[in-house]
Protein backbone atom coordinates (compact mmCIF):
# COMPACT_ATOMS: atom_id res chain seq x y z
CA MET A 1 7.01 -44.83 -50.66
CA LYS A 2 9.48 -45.12 -52.89
CA THR A 3 10.22 -41.35 -53.10
CA LEU A 4 10.32 -41.72 -49.04
CA PHE A 5 12.47 -44.59 -49.04
CA ALA A 6 15.15 -42.86 -51.58
CA ALA A 7 14.87 -39.71 -49.43
CA ILE A 8 16.01 -41.49 -46.05
CA THR A 9 18.61 -43.45 -47.62
CA ILE A 10 20.16 -40.17 -49.25
CA LEU A 11 20.24 -38.45 -46.00
CA SER A 12 21.82 -41.34 -44.13
CA ALA A 13 24.52 -41.60 -46.36
CA ALA A 14 24.99 -37.76 -46.16
CA ALA A 15 24.50 -38.31 -42.39
CA SER A 16 27.36 -40.80 -42.31
CA THR A 17 29.96 -38.60 -44.47
CA ALA A 18 29.80 -35.93 -42.26
CA LEU A 19 30.43 -37.69 -39.19
CA ALA A 20 33.93 -38.04 -40.46
CA GLY A 21 35.92 -34.96 -39.25
CA PRO A 22 39.06 -33.77 -40.58
CA ALA A 23 41.58 -36.25 -38.66
CA GLY A 24 39.51 -38.89 -39.63
CA ASP A 25 39.73 -37.82 -42.93
CA MET A 26 43.41 -37.69 -42.51
CA ALA A 27 43.76 -41.23 -41.07
CA LYS A 28 42.21 -42.52 -44.09
CA ALA A 29 44.68 -41.29 -46.16
CA HIS A 30 47.36 -42.35 -43.86
CA ILE A 31 45.59 -45.85 -43.76
CA GLU A 32 45.15 -45.78 -47.24
CA ALA A 33 48.84 -44.34 -48.45
CA ILE A 34 50.10 -47.39 -45.96
CA ALA A 35 48.08 -50.21 -48.01
CA LYS A 36 49.77 -48.64 -51.34
CA GLY A 37 53.15 -48.96 -49.85
CA ASP A 38 53.54 -44.80 -50.39
CA SER A 39 56.35 -44.57 -47.70
CA ALA A 40 56.24 -40.88 -48.88
CA ALA A 41 53.04 -40.26 -48.17
CA VAL A 42 52.69 -41.97 -45.01
CA THR A 43 55.85 -40.22 -43.82
CA ALA A 44 54.80 -36.71 -44.51
CA ALA A 45 51.58 -36.83 -42.24
CA TYR A 46 53.79 -36.95 -39.42
CA ALA A 47 55.19 -33.61 -37.10
CA PRO A 48 59.22 -33.71 -36.51
CA SER A 49 58.92 -34.79 -32.83
CA ALA A 50 56.08 -37.99 -33.72
CA THR A 51 56.13 -41.32 -32.11
CA LEU A 52 55.35 -44.31 -33.36
CA HIS A 53 54.73 -47.24 -31.01
CA TRP A 54 54.24 -50.88 -33.17
CA VAL A 55 52.88 -53.83 -30.69
CA GLY A 56 53.78 -56.87 -32.22
CA GLY A 57 54.92 -58.73 -35.18
CA PRO A 58 58.47 -58.12 -37.03
CA LEU A 59 58.88 -54.69 -36.16
CA ASP A 60 57.60 -54.39 -32.65
CA GLY A 61 59.13 -51.24 -31.17
CA THR A 62 58.80 -47.58 -30.65
CA TYR A 63 60.29 -44.97 -33.28
CA THR A 64 60.76 -41.47 -33.57
CA GLY A 65 61.84 -39.23 -36.07
CA PRO A 66 63.85 -41.20 -39.27
CA GLU A 67 63.44 -44.29 -37.51
CA ILE A 68 59.62 -43.86 -38.35
CA ALA A 69 60.20 -43.61 -42.69
CA ALA A 70 62.87 -46.57 -42.36
CA THR A 71 60.20 -48.75 -40.32
CA TRP A 72 57.16 -47.68 -42.90
CA ALA A 73 60.09 -48.45 -46.18
CA LYS A 74 60.55 -52.01 -44.08
CA PHE A 75 56.76 -52.56 -44.03
CA ALA A 76 55.96 -51.34 -47.57
CA LYS A 77 58.89 -53.69 -48.86
CA ALA A 78 57.96 -56.55 -47.16
CA GLN A 79 54.17 -56.28 -47.62
CA THR A 80 53.05 -55.21 -51.38
CA GLY A 81 49.59 -55.79 -53.06
CA LEU A 82 47.80 -54.61 -49.74
CA LYS A 83 44.07 -53.78 -49.34
CA ALA A 84 43.08 -51.86 -46.32
CA THR A 85 39.36 -52.56 -44.82
CA ILE A 86 38.37 -50.04 -41.90
CA VAL A 87 35.96 -52.09 -39.96
CA GLU A 88 35.37 -49.61 -37.67
CA MET A 89 36.69 -46.07 -36.93
CA ARG A 90 35.94 -43.83 -34.43
CA GLU A 91 37.40 -40.08 -34.04
CA SER A 92 37.48 -37.60 -30.81
CA VAL A 93 38.09 -33.69 -30.86
CA ASN A 94 38.47 -31.13 -28.73
CA SER A 95 40.22 -27.88 -29.14
CA LYS A 96 43.97 -29.29 -28.02
CA GLY A 97 43.77 -32.15 -30.69
CA ALA A 98 42.11 -35.21 -32.09
CA THR A 99 42.42 -39.02 -31.59
CA VAL A 100 41.41 -41.52 -34.19
CA VAL A 101 40.87 -45.42 -33.15
CA ALA A 102 40.31 -47.48 -36.24
CA ASP A 103 40.12 -51.27 -36.89
CA VAL A 104 41.75 -52.01 -39.84
CA VAL A 105 42.45 -55.33 -41.60
CA PHE A 106 45.34 -54.91 -44.62
CA ALA A 107 45.32 -57.81 -46.72
CA ASN A 108 47.23 -59.60 -49.73
CA ASP A 109 47.88 -62.90 -49.60
CA ASN A 110 48.09 -62.48 -45.59
CA LYS A 111 45.85 -60.54 -43.02
CA ILE A 112 47.41 -57.79 -40.83
CA PRO A 113 44.65 -57.08 -38.41
CA VAL A 114 45.67 -53.87 -36.54
CA ARG A 115 43.98 -51.86 -33.70
CA TYR A 116 45.65 -48.29 -34.84
CA VAL A 117 45.14 -45.33 -32.40
CA MET A 118 46.59 -41.86 -34.42
CA MET A 119 46.97 -38.88 -32.11
CA PHE A 120 46.76 -35.41 -34.39
CA ARG A 121 47.61 -31.90 -33.37
CA ASP A 122 48.23 -28.68 -35.41
CA GLY A 123 46.96 -31.11 -38.61
CA THR A 124 49.79 -33.57 -38.00
CA LEU A 125 50.34 -37.20 -36.83
CA THR A 126 51.83 -36.62 -33.40
CA ASP A 127 51.31 -40.14 -31.49
CA GLU A 128 50.62 -43.69 -32.86
CA ILE A 129 50.10 -46.81 -31.85
CA TRP A 130 50.13 -49.50 -34.29
CA GLN A 131 49.22 -52.63 -32.33
CA ILE A 132 48.63 -56.43 -34.46
CA ASP A 133 45.56 -57.66 -33.12
CA PRO A 134 44.21 -61.34 -33.98
CA ALA A 135 41.14 -60.42 -32.36
CA LEU A 136 40.18 -58.86 -35.60
CA GLU A 137 40.30 -61.89 -38.20
CA LYS A 138 37.08 -63.36 -36.73
């Protein structure tokens, strides 16, 4: 019985890991870079024509090109020592690209609950919605 339970546990863990595809992996790396305040790694993920829609909070606005790097630099300066907790992540993929929707709580002394939507094409982040979502704190 113990052997059967161990086998089921191992297979379940492998299945969970296998569900994350390349876009999910890129999204997780992006989220971790944000938490670390690594603006260079964060901005390296973007396609040249990418758009960042920041909904809510002091950085509310729509950013493109060099504005994206400036926005993340402001965020990194204002929010140090963050830990990212991915509450839920979903990935949708077809031959044209992938979309990742993640509920993430970034936390230091404050909590920043975010509904995060990232669209990837050809391995780069092309469109992004970072929406402050107070409902995630509950």
